[in-house]
C-alpha atoms as a PDB file:
ATOM      1  CA  MET A   1       0.323  -0.254   0.016  1.00  0.00           C
ATOM      2  CA  LEU A   2       3.346   2.814   0.872  1.00  0.00           C
ATOM      3  CA  LYS A   3       4.255   1.400  -2.320  1.00  0.00           C
ATOM      4  CA  LEU A   4       0.784   2.400  -4.469  1.00  0.00           C
ATOM      5  CA  GLY A   5       1.583   6.187  -2.926  1.00  0.00           C
ATOM      6  CA  VAL A   6       4.564   6.236  -3.126  1.00  0.00           C
ATOM      7  CA  ILE A   7       4.125   5.897  -6.824  1.00  0.00           C
ATOM      8  CA  SER A   8       0.828   7.231  -7.298  1.00  0.00           C
ATOM      9  CA  TRP A   9       3.159  10.609  -5.689  1.00  0.00           C
ATOM     10  CA  ILE A  10       5.702  10.121  -7.981  1.00  0.00           C
ATOM     11  CA  ILE A  11       3.415  10.269 -11.361  1.00  0.00           C
ATOM     12  CA  LEU A  12       1.804  13.475 -10.099  1.00  0.00           C
ATOM     13  CA  THR A  13       4.952  14.877  -9.352  1.00  0.00           C
ATOM     14  CA  VAL A  14       6.881  13.851 -12.938  1.00  0.00           C
ATOM     15  CA  VAL A  15       2.934  15.025 -14.413  1.00  0.00           C
ATOM     16  CA  LEU A  16       2.901  18.493 -12.182  1.00  0.00           C
ATOM     17  CA  LEU A  17       6.320  18.934 -13.306  1.00  0.00           C
ATOM     18  CA  LEU A  18       5.575  18.299 -17.424  1.00  0.00           C
ATOM     19  CA  PHE A  19       2.772  20.016 -18.203  1.00  0.00           C
ATOM     20  CA  PRO A  20       3.764  23.516 -17.660  1.00  0.00           C
ATOM     21  CA  LEU A  21       6.782  22.845 -19.560  1.00  0.00           C
ATOM     22  CA  GLY A  22       5.239  21.448 -21.975  1.00  0.00           C
ATOM     23  CA  PHE A  23       3.023  25.124 -23.065  1.00  0.00           C
ATOM     24  CA  LEU A  24       6.828  26.665 -22.690  1.00  0.00           C
ATOM     25  CA  PHE A  25       8.460  24.689 -24.929  1.00  0.00           C
ATOM     26  CA  TYR A  26       4.597  24.665 -27.266  1.00  0.00           C
ATOM     27  CA  PHE A  27       5.123  28.377 -27.736  1.00  0.00           C
ATOM     28  CA  LEU A  28       8.835  28.698 -27.414  1.00  0.00           C
ATOM     29  CA  PHE A  29       8.752  26.182 -30.378  1.00  0.00           C
ATOM     30  CA  LYS A  30       6.012  27.870 -31.740  1.00  0.00           C
ATOM     31  CA  ASP A  31       7.224  31.552 -31.921  1.00  0.00           C
ATOM     32  CA  ILE A  32      10.415  29.831 -33.337  1.00  0.00           C
ATOM     33  CA  THR A  33       8.633  28.288 -36.037  1.00  0.00           C
ATOM     34  CA  LYS A  34       6.554  31.685 -36.733  1.00  0.00           C
ATOM     35  CA  TYR A  35      10.460  33.408 -37.150  1.00  0.00           C
ATOM     36  CA  PHE A  36      12.042  31.284 -39.057  1.00  0.00           C
ATOM     37  CA  PHE A  37       8.443  31.045 -41.885  1.00  0.00           C
ATOM     38  CA  VAL A  38       9.410  35.539 -41.249  1.00  0.00           C
ATOM     39  CA  PHE A  39      13.189  35.097 -42.275  1.00  0.00           C
ATOM     40  CA  TRP A  40      12.837  32.101 -44.434  1.00  0.00           C
ATOM     41  CA  ASN A  41      10.110  34.181 -47.000  1.00  0.00           C
ATOM     42  CA  LYS A  42      11.964  37.991 -46.512  1.00  0.00           C
ATOM     43  CA  ILE A  43      15.266  35.396 -48.041  1.00  0.00           C
ATOM     44  CA  VAL A  44      12.614  34.524 -50.608  1.00  0.00           C
ATOM     45  CA  SER A  45      11.624  37.139 -50.967  1.00  0.00           C
ATOM     46  CA  GLU A  46      14.612  39.630 -51.539  1.00  0.00           C
ATOM     47  CA  LYS A  47      15.939  36.783 -54.312  1.00  0.00           C
ATOM     48  CA  VAL A  48      12.427  38.103 -56.419  1.00  0.00           C
ATOM     49  CA  LEU A  49      13.208  40.551 -55.343  1.00  0.00           C
ATOM     50  CA  ASN A  50      17.099  41.430 -56.527  1.00  0.00           C
ATOM     51  CA  LYS A  51      16.063  39.127 -59.483  1.00  0.00           C
ATOM     52  CA  ILE A  52      13.421  41.866 -61.447  1.00  0.00           C
ATOM     53  CA  LYS A  53      15.762  44.622 -60.434  1.00  0.00           C
ATOM     54  CA  ASN A  54      18.026  43.186 -62.731  1.00  0.00           C
ATOM     55  CA  GLU A  55      15.781  42.573 -65.304  1.00  0.00           C
ATOM     56  CA  ILE A  56      14.414  46.455 -64.895  1.00  0.00           C
ATOM     57  CA  ILE A  57      18.170  47.693 -64.894  1.00  0.00           C
ATOM     58  CA  GLN A  58      18.205  45.248 -67.771  1.00  0.00           C
ATOM     59  CA  GLU A  59      15.844  45.721 -70.065  1.00  0.00           C
ATOM     60  CA  ASN A  60      16.546  50.137 -69.071  1.00  0.00           C
ATOM     61  CA  LEU A  61      20.083  50.027 -70.326  1.00  0.00           C
ATOM     62  CA  VAL A  62      18.866  47.956 -73.752  1.00  0.00           C
ATOM     63  CA  ASN A  63      15.757  50.709 -73.449  1.00  0.00           C
ATOM     64  CA  THR A  64      18.493  53.093 -73.571  1.00  0.00           C
ATOM     65  CA  TYR A  65      20.945  51.815 -75.857  1.00  0.00           C
ATOM     66  CA  GLN A  66      18.223  51.798 -78.726  1.00  0.00           C
ATOM     67  CA  SER A  67      16.862  55.752 -77.793  1.00  0.00           C
ATOM     68  CA  GLU A  68      20.499  56.253 -78.037  1.00  0.00           C
ATOM     69  CA  GLU A  69      20.517  55.041 -81.821  1.00  0.00           C
ATOM     70  CA  ILE A  70      18.015  57.217 -82.526  1.00  0.00           C
ATOM     71  CA  SER A  71      18.851  61.632 -84.180  1.00  0.00           C
ATOM     72  CA  GLU A  72      18.069  64.203 -83.299  1.00  0.00           C
ATOM     73  CA  GLU A  73      15.262  64.523 -85.725  1.00  0.00           C
ATOM     74  CA  LYS A  74      13.883  61.922 -84.920  1.00  0.00           C
ATOM     75  CA  GLN A  75      12.632  62.633 -81.071  1.00  0.00           C
ATOM     76  CA  ASP A  76      11.500  65.542 -82.308  1.00  0.00           C
ATOM     77  CA  LEU A  77       9.289  64.025 -84.487  1.00  0.00           C
ATOM     78  CA  LEU A  78       7.941  61.031 -81.825  1.00  0.00           C
ATOM     79  CA  GLN A  79       8.012  64.351 -79.388  1.00  0.00           C
ATOM     80  CA  GLU A  80       5.548  66.657 -81.750  1.00  0.00           C
ATOM     81  CA  GLU A  81       3.154  63.180 -82.476  1.00  0.00           C
ATOM     82  CA  SER A  82       3.232  62.325 -78.488  1.00  0.00           C
ATOM     83  CA  ALA A  83       1.187  66.314 -78.494  1.00  0.00           C
ATOM     84  CA  ASP A  84      -0.468  66.290 -81.830  1.00  0.00           C
ATOM     85  CA  ILE A  85      -2.392  63.056 -79.443  1.00  0.00           C
ATOM     86  CA  GLU A  86      -3.216  64.916 -76.927  1.00  0.00           C
ATOM     87  CA  LYS A  87      -4.013  67.598 -78.350  1.00  0.00           C
ATOM     88  CA  GLU A  88      -6.658  65.111 -80.943  1.00  0.00           C
ATOM     89  CA  LYS A  89      -8.151  63.526 -77.497  1.00  0.00           C
ATOM     90  CA  PRO A  90     -11.124  65.081 -76.084  1.00  0.00           C
ATOM     91  CA  SER A  91     -12.142  65.935 -72.832  1.00  0.00           C
ATOM     92  CA  LEU A  92     -14.732  64.384 -71.395  1.00  0.00           C
ATOM     93  CA  GLU A  93     -16.744  67.415 -71.644  1.00  0.00           C
ATOM     94  CA  GLU A  94     -16.489  67.872 -75.444  1.00  0.00           C
ATOM     95  CA  LEU A  95     -17.087  63.372 -75.879  1.00  0.00           C
ATOM     96  CA  VAL A  96     -20.725  64.229 -73.830  1.00  0.00           C
ATOM     97  CA  ASP A  97     -20.855  67.223 -76.154  1.00  0.00           C
ATOM     98  CA  LYS A  98     -21.051  64.817 -79.142  1.00  0.00           C
ATOM     99  CA  GLU A  99     -22.755  62.803 -77.409  1.00  0.00           C
ATOM    100  CA  PHE A 100     -25.880  65.894 -76.801  1.00  0.00           C
ATOM    101  CA  SER A 101     -25.278  66.872 -80.833  1.00  0.00           C
ATOM    102  CA  LYS A 102     -26.463  63.474 -81.874  1.00  0.00           C
ATOM    103  CA  LYS A 103     -29.161  63.485 -80.057  1.00  0.00           C
ATOM    104  CA  LYS A 104     -30.171  66.165 -80.616  1.00  0.00           C
ATOM    105  CA  LYS A 105     -30.005  66.826 -83.779  1.00  0.00           C
ATOM    106  CA  LYS A 106     -32.303  63.102 -84.265  1.00  0.00           C
ATOM    107  CA  MET A 107     -34.502  65.254 -82.322  1.00  0.00           C
ATOM    108  CA  ILE A 108     -34.780  68.233 -84.323  1.00  0.00           C
ATOM    109  CA  GLU A 109     -34.754  65.160 -87.670  1.00  0.00           C
ATOM    110  CA  LYS A 110     -38.463  63.984 -86.332  1.00  0.00           C
ATOM    111  CA  ILE A 111     -39.312  67.605 -85.696  1.00  0.00           C
ATOM    112  CA  VAL A 112     -38.200  68.667 -89.361  1.00  0.00           C
ATOM    113  CA  TYR A 113     -39.502  65.435 -90.139  1.00  0.00           C
ATOM    114  CA  GLU A 114     -43.678  65.805 -88.544  1.00  0.00           C
ATOM    115  CA  ALA A 115     -43.694  69.322 -89.545  1.00  0.00           C
ATOM    116  CA  LEU A 116     -42.376  68.561 -93.326  1.00  0.00           C
ATOM    117  CA  VAL A 117     -45.429  66.279 -93.427  1.00  0.00           C
ATOM    118  CA  TYR A 118     -48.009  69.147 -91.020  1.00  0.00           C
ATOM    119  CA  ARG A 119     -47.230  70.992 -94.614  1.00  0.00           C
ATOM    120  CA  LYS A 120     -47.171  68.208 -97.421  1.00  0.00           C
ATOM    121  CA  GLU A 121     -50.946  67.411 -96.317  1.00  0.00           C
ATOM    122  CA  TRP A 122     -51.352  72.146 -96.084  1.00  0.00           C
ATOM    123  CA  LYS A 123     -52.172  71.769 -92.326  1.00  0.00           C
ATOM    124  CA  LEU A 124     -49.728  75.643 -92.404  1.00  0.00           C
ATOM    125  CA  ASP A 125     -51.162  76.343 -89.450  1.00  0.00           C
ATOM    126  CA  GLU A 126     -49.654  72.401 -87.097  1.00  0.00           C
ATOM    127  CA  TYR A 127     -46.562  72.888 -89.163  1.00  0.00           C
ATOM    128  CA  GLU A 128     -45.985  76.470 -87.829  1.00  0.00           C
ATOM    129  CA  LYS A 129     -46.740  75.088 -84.292  1.00  0.00           C
ATOM    130  CA  LYS A 130     -44.934  71.570 -85.129  1.00  0.00           C
ATOM    131  CA  ILE A 131     -41.698  74.002 -85.067  1.00  0.00           C
ATOM    132  CA  ILE A 132     -42.426  76.760 -82.885  1.00  0.00           C
ATOM    133  CA  GLU A 133     -43.229  74.230 -80.305  1.00  0.00           C
ATOM    134  CA  TRP A 134     -39.722  72.568 -80.744  1.00  0.00           C
ATOM    135  CA  LEU A 135     -37.849  76.644 -81.067  1.00  0.00           C
ATOM    136  CA  ALA A 136     -39.242  77.750 -77.224  1.00  0.00           C
ATOM    137  CA  ILE A 137     -37.125  74.448 -76.368  1.00  0.00           C
ATOM    138  CA  ASP A 138     -34.799  75.344 -78.632  1.00  0.00           C
ATOM    139  CA  PRO A 139     -34.546  79.673 -79.266  1.00  0.00           C
ATOM    140  CA  ASN A 140     -31.487  79.521 -81.085  1.00  0.00           C
ATOM    141  CA  ASP A 141     -30.961  75.937 -83.115  1.00  0.00           C
ATOM    142  CA  ARG A 142     -30.517  76.984 -86.871  1.00  0.00           C
ATOM    143  CA  ASP A 143     -32.272  74.570 -88.779  1.00  0.00           C
ATOM    144  CA  LEU A 144     -35.997  75.227 -87.114  1.00  0.00           C
ATOM    145  CA  ASN A 145     -35.390  78.867 -87.430  1.00  0.00           C
ATOM    146  CA  LYS A 146     -34.677  79.078 -91.648  1.00  0.00           C
ATOM    147  CA  LEU A 147     -37.554  76.490 -91.279  1.00  0.00           C
ATOM    148  CA  LEU A 148     -40.223  79.399 -89.273  1.00  0.00           C
ATOM    149  CA  ALA A 149     -38.571  81.806 -92.225  1.00  0.00           C
ATOM    150  CA  ASP A 150     -39.226  80.552 -94.925  1.00  0.00           C
ATOM    151  CA  PHE A 151     -42.748  79.281 -93.981  1.00  0.00           C
ATOM    152  CA  TYR A 152     -43.345  83.618 -93.831  1.00  0.00           C
ATOM    153  CA  PHE A 153     -40.722  84.913 -96.634  1.00  0.00           C
ATOM    154  CA  ASN A 154     -43.002  82.401 -99.091  1.00  0.00           C
ATOM    155  CA  LEU A 155     -46.612  84.036 -97.596  1.00  0.00           C
ATOM    156  CA  TRP A 156     -44.999  87.191 -98.230  1.00  0.00           C
ATOM    157  CA  ASN A 157     -44.964  87.732 -94.266  1.00  0.00           C
ATOM    158  CA  TYR A 158     -42.584  89.892 -94.352  1.00  0.00           C
ATOM    159  CA  LYS A 159     -42.495  91.364 -91.127  1.00  0.00           C
ATOM    160  CA  LYS A 160     -41.808  88.222 -88.789  1.00  0.00           C
ATOM    161  CA  ALA A 161     -40.382  86.395 -91.318  1.00  0.00           C
ATOM    162  CA  LEU A 162     -36.781  88.974 -91.423  1.00  0.00           C
ATOM    163  CA  SER A 163     -35.870  89.272 -87.456  1.00  0.00           C
ATOM    164  CA  LEU A 164     -36.392  85.773 -88.014  1.00  0.00           C
ATOM    165  CA  LEU A 165     -33.689  85.718 -90.831  1.00  0.00           C
ATOM    166  CA  LYS A 166     -31.208  88.321 -89.274  1.00  0.00           C
ATOM    167  CA  LYS A 167     -31.126  85.523 -86.092  1.00  0.00           C
ATOM    168  CA  ILE A 168     -30.182  82.831 -88.453  1.00  0.00           C
ATOM    169  CA  ILE A 169     -27.501  85.343 -89.704  1.00  0.00           C
ATOM    170  CA  GLU A 170     -26.796  86.395 -85.868  1.00  0.00           C
ATOM    171  CA  ILE A 171     -25.533  82.818 -85.668  1.00  0.00           C
ATOM    172  CA  ASP A 172     -24.584  81.963 -88.815  1.00  0.00           C
ATOM    173  CA  PRO A 173     -23.216  85.019 -91.004  1.00  0.00           C
ATOM    174  CA  GLN A 174     -22.157  83.446 -94.078  1.00  0.00           C
ATOM    175  CA  ASP A 175     -25.998  82.031 -94.486  1.00  0.00           C
ATOM    176  CA  HIS A 176     -26.004  83.224 -98.640  1.00  0.00           C
ATOM    177  CA  LYS A 177     -29.787  82.670 -98.188  1.00  0.00           C
ATOM    178  CA  ALA A 178     -31.471  84.296 -95.057  1.00  0.00           C
ATOM    179  CA  ILE A 179     -29.014  87.640 -97.062  1.00  0.00           C
ATOM    180  CA  TRP A 180     -31.019  86.761-100.792  1.00  0.00           C
ATOM    181  CA  GLN A 181     -34.568  86.575 -99.025  1.00  0.00           C
ATOM    182  CA  ILE A 182     -33.743  90.325 -96.420  1.00  0.00           C
ATOM    183  CA  TRP A 183     -32.236  91.550-100.064  1.00  0.00           C
ATOM    184  CA  GLU A 184     -35.626  90.734-101.685  1.00  0.00           C
ATOM    185  CA  MET A 185     -37.192  92.564 -98.112  1.00  0.00           C
ATOM    186  CA  TYR A 186     -35.581  95.809 -99.499  1.00  0.00           C
ATOM    187  CA  LEU A 187     -36.306  95.157-103.092  1.00  0.00           C
ATOM    188  CA  ILE A 188     -39.475  95.660-103.164  1.00  0.00           C
ATOM    189  CA  THR A 189     -39.445  97.967-100.504  1.00  0.00           C
ATOM    190  CA  GLY A 190     -37.523 100.623-103.460  1.00  0.00           C
ATOM    191  CA  ASP A 191     -34.432 100.232-100.867  1.00  0.00           C
ATOM    192  CA  PHE A 192     -31.986  99.457-103.743  1.00  0.00           C
ATOM    193  CA  GLU A 193     -28.717 100.885-102.919  1.00  0.00           C
ATOM    194  CA  THR A 194     -29.281  99.535 -99.247  1.00  0.00           C
ATOM    195  CA  ALA A 195     -30.566  95.840-102.330  1.00  0.00           C
ATOM    196  CA  GLU A 196     -27.079  96.069-103.635  1.00  0.00           C
ATOM    197  CA  LEU A 197     -25.483  95.679-100.125  1.00  0.00           C
ATOM    198  CA  LEU A 198     -27.150  92.439 -98.928  1.00  0.00           C
ATOM    199  CA  ILE A 199     -26.895  90.616-102.936  1.00  0.00           C
ATOM    200  CA  ASP A 200     -24.211  92.228-103.341  1.00  0.00           C
ATOM    201  CA  LYS A 201     -22.650  90.725-100.194  1.00  0.00           C
ATOM    202  CA  ALA A 202     -24.823  86.840-101.248  1.00  0.00           C
ATOM    203  CA  ILE A 203     -22.302  86.421-103.935  1.00  0.00           C
ATOM    204  CA  SER A 204     -18.575  87.091-102.454  1.00  0.00           C
ATOM    205  CA  ILE A 205     -19.980  83.685 -99.609  1.00  0.00           C
ATOM    206  CA  ASN A 206     -21.710  81.534-102.772  1.00  0.00           C
ATOM    207  CA  GLN A 207     -19.931  82.397-106.363  1.00  0.00           C
ATOM    208  CA  SER A 208     -22.472  79.846-107.850  1.00  0.00           C
ATOM    209  CA  ASN A 209     -25.278  80.215-107.382  1.00  0.00           C
ATOM    210  CA  PRO A 210     -26.929  81.662-110.943  1.00  0.00           C
ATOM    211  CA  LYS A 211     -30.190  84.002-108.807  1.00  0.00           C
ATOM    212  CA  TYR A 212     -28.119  85.467-106.675  1.00  0.00           C
ATOM    213  CA  TYR A 213     -26.781  87.142-109.833  1.00  0.00           C
ATOM    214  CA  ILE A 214     -30.149  87.778-111.622  1.00  0.00           C
ATOM    215  CA  SER A 215     -31.215  89.159-107.909  1.00  0.00           C
ATOM    216  CA  MET A 216     -28.216  91.652-108.860  1.00  0.00           C
ATOM    217  CA  VAL A 217     -29.629  92.111-112.479  1.00  0.00           C
ATOM    218  CA  GLU A 218     -33.104  93.528-110.953  1.00  0.00           C
ATOM    219  CA  VAL A 219     -31.049  96.260-108.830  1.00  0.00           C
ATOM    220  CA  LEU A 220     -28.898  96.930-111.414  1.00  0.00           C
ATOM    221  CA  TYR A 221     -31.668  97.482-113.928  1.00  0.00           C
ATOM    222  CA  ASN A 222     -33.562  99.290-111.950  1.00  0.00           C
ATOM    223  CA  THR A 223     -31.410 101.534-110.518  1.00  0.00           C
ATOM    224  CA  ASP A 224     -31.045 102.906-115.013  1.00  0.00           C
ATOM    225  CA  ARG A 225     -27.413 100.535-115.341  1.00  0.00           C
ATOM    226  CA  LYS A 226     -28.327  98.165-117.954  1.00  0.00           C
ATOM    227  CA  LYS A 227     -24.511  97.416-119.565  1.00  0.00           C
ATOM    228  CA  GLU A 228     -24.146  96.449-115.702  1.00  0.00           C
ATOM    229  CA  ALA A 229     -26.661  94.353-115.874  1.00  0.00           C
ATOM    230  CA  VAL A 230     -25.486  93.365-119.103  1.00  0.00           C
ATOM    231  CA  GLU A 231     -21.902  93.005-118.382  1.00  0.00           C
ATOM    232  CA  MET A 232     -23.797  90.784-115.794  1.00  0.00           C
ATOM    233  CA  MET A 233     -26.555  88.289-116.970  1.00  0.00           C
ATOM    234  CA  GLU A 234     -23.761  87.222-119.257  1.00  0.00           C
ATOM    235  CA  LYS A 235     -21.823  85.833-116.228  1.00  0.00           C
ATOM    236  CA  ILE A 236     -24.919  84.214-115.785  1.00  0.00           C
ATOM    237  CA  VAL A 237     -25.150  82.243-118.796  1.00  0.00           C
ATOM    238  CA  LYS A 238     -21.810  80.763-118.756  1.00  0.00           C
ATOM    239  CA  LEU A 239     -22.881  79.552-114.765  1.00  0.00           C
ATOM    240  CA  ARG A 240     -25.275  78.350-116.983  1.00  0.00           C
ATOM    241  CA  PRO A 241     -25.098  78.139-120.209  1.00  0.00           C
ATOM    242  CA  THR A 242     -27.981  75.410-122.007  1.00  0.00           C
ATOM    243  CA  THR A 243     -30.830  77.511-119.484  1.00  0.00           C
ATOM    244  CA  PRO A 244     -33.265  79.588-122.128  1.00  0.00           C
ATOM    245  CA  SER A 245     -35.104  81.894-119.817  1.00  0.00           C
ATOM    246  CA  TYR A 246     -31.547  82.977-119.017  1.00  0.00           C
ATOM    247  CA  LEU A 247     -30.697  83.696-123.096  1.00  0.00           C
ATOM    248  CA  LEU A 248     -34.315  85.718-123.817  1.00  0.00           C
ATOM    249  CA  THR A 249     -33.450  88.386-120.548  1.00  0.00           C
ATOM    250  CA  LEU A 250     -29.690  89.161-121.694  1.00  0.00           C
ATOM    251  CA  ALA A 251     -31.226  89.034-124.901  1.00  0.00           C
ATOM    252  CA  ASP A 252     -34.083  91.526-124.581  1.00  0.00           C
ATOM    253  CA  LEU A 253     -31.639  93.725-122.330  1.00  0.00           C
ATOM    254  CA  TYR A 254     -29.681  94.101-125.494  1.00  0.00           C
ATOM    255  CA  LEU A 255     -32.564  94.631-127.655  1.00  0.00           C
ATOM    256  CA  GLU A 256     -32.761  97.101-125.083  1.00  0.00           C
ATOM    257  CA  LEU A 257     -29.399  98.726-125.467  1.00  0.00           C
ATOM    258  CA  GLN A 258     -30.209  98.221-129.443  1.00  0.00           C
ATOM    259  CA  ASP A 259     -27.500  96.069-130.138  1.00  0.00           C
ATOM    260  CA  TYR A 260     -29.340  94.166-132.706  1.00  0.00           C
ATOM    261  CA  TRP A 261     -26.880  91.473-133.453  1.00  0.00           C
ATOM    262  CA  SER A 262     -26.416  90.738-130.208  1.00  0.00           C
ATOM    263  CA  ALA A 263     -30.475  90.433-129.128  1.00  0.00           C
ATOM    264  CA  LYS A 264     -30.661  88.052-132.201  1.00  0.00           C
ATOM    265  CA  LYS A 265     -27.288  85.956-131.496  1.00  0.00           C
ATOM    266  CA  TYR A 266     -29.081  85.214-127.777  1.00  0.00           C
ATOM    267  CA  TYR A 267     -31.977  84.940-129.581  1.00  0.00           C
ATOM    268  CA  PHE A 268     -31.343  81.926-131.856  1.00  0.00           C
ATOM    269  CA  ARG A 269     -29.470  80.202-129.272  1.00  0.00           C
ATOM    270  CA  VAL A 270     -32.962  80.091-126.664  1.00  0.00           C
ATOM    271  CA  LEU A 271     -33.694  78.074-130.300  1.00  0.00           C
ATOM    272  CA  GLU A 272     -31.801  76.444-130.385  1.00  0.00           C
ATOM    273  CA  TYR A 273     -31.762  75.476-126.576  1.00  0.00           C
ATOM    274  CA  GLU A 274     -35.907  74.710-126.317  1.00  0.00           C
ATOM    275  CA  PRO A 275     -37.035  75.604-130.041  1.00  0.00           C
ATOM    276  CA  SER A 276     -41.218  76.133-129.014  1.00  0.00           C
ATOM    277  CA  ASN A 277     -40.435  79.655-127.609  1.00  0.00           C
ATOM    278  CA  GLU A 278     -43.243  82.256-129.280  1.00  0.00           C
ATOM    279  CA  LYS A 279     -41.530  85.293-127.486  1.00  0.00           C
ATOM    280  CA  ALA A 280     -37.216  84.525-129.174  1.00  0.00           C
ATOM    281  CA  LYS A 281     -39.358  83.907-132.966  1.00  0.00           C
ATOM    282  CA  GLN A 282     -41.150  86.996-132.015  1.00  0.00           C
ATOM    283  CA  LYS A 283     -38.346  89.063-131.935  1.00  0.00           C
ATOM    284  CA  LEU A 284     -36.212  87.695-135.210  1.00  0.00           C
ATOM    285  CA  LYS A 285     -39.225  88.698-136.860  1.00  0.00           C
ATOM    286  CA  GLU A 286     -38.759  92.163-135.909  1.00  0.00           C
ATOM    287  CA  LEU A 287     -35.350  92.069-136.445  1.00  0.00           C
ATOM    288  CA  SER A 288     -35.661  90.526-139.274  1.00  0.00           C
END
């Protein structure tokens, strides 16, 4: 019994001694392992970093060597191209404006289409309302202002048309059609001086439209400058050499100036392109 008690005491003593020592060794081993892995990872990381660093250095050396081979002229050219690319890159604001302009253009096209359908069906009140409806949203839209101005102009409502045409020219000073329409209003009121200035401006913007030269002929004729009117008609005939109405007008002007040979020449040319023209036939009989 005594022997059993001694053995039990010894076992208990060993357990009590080993237990705290076990915990102590466990934590020491854990910390040692942790620091070992940290140290090992550090070594591996340094190796990897050094490898990457060496690769970068080598790459930079190659690039530097290659760049040294490029002439100064080529480098300047590359810099200019880079600068041009930067300039050409649209900003966010420009992209937004561009997208908005596309949507706006589609909406205006729809409004214009609907308005033109009304005009084709002679629903003039609906046509006018449709354009005014959109202009209330965007009063500075050039195309819609032009549509409404043309509408009033063709109805001889010059008072309304004039204010719109002036606005169109403010938006686009190169709109020669708007200038020409204002010219007609001044011509009708007898203000030939202003009318001449306006049609001269329209011609300077668009030199290929014979209608503008005809308008100048009207001004010159009404201010008793028939020789200048003939010179202007010669320009028109050069632009449109096969148009009978232009040839006939030129022949009539020569007849008024008593240049009968030139008058007959152009009356014959009228019949060349329009054999059934009775006026030309009659004038040639009178001149025979």
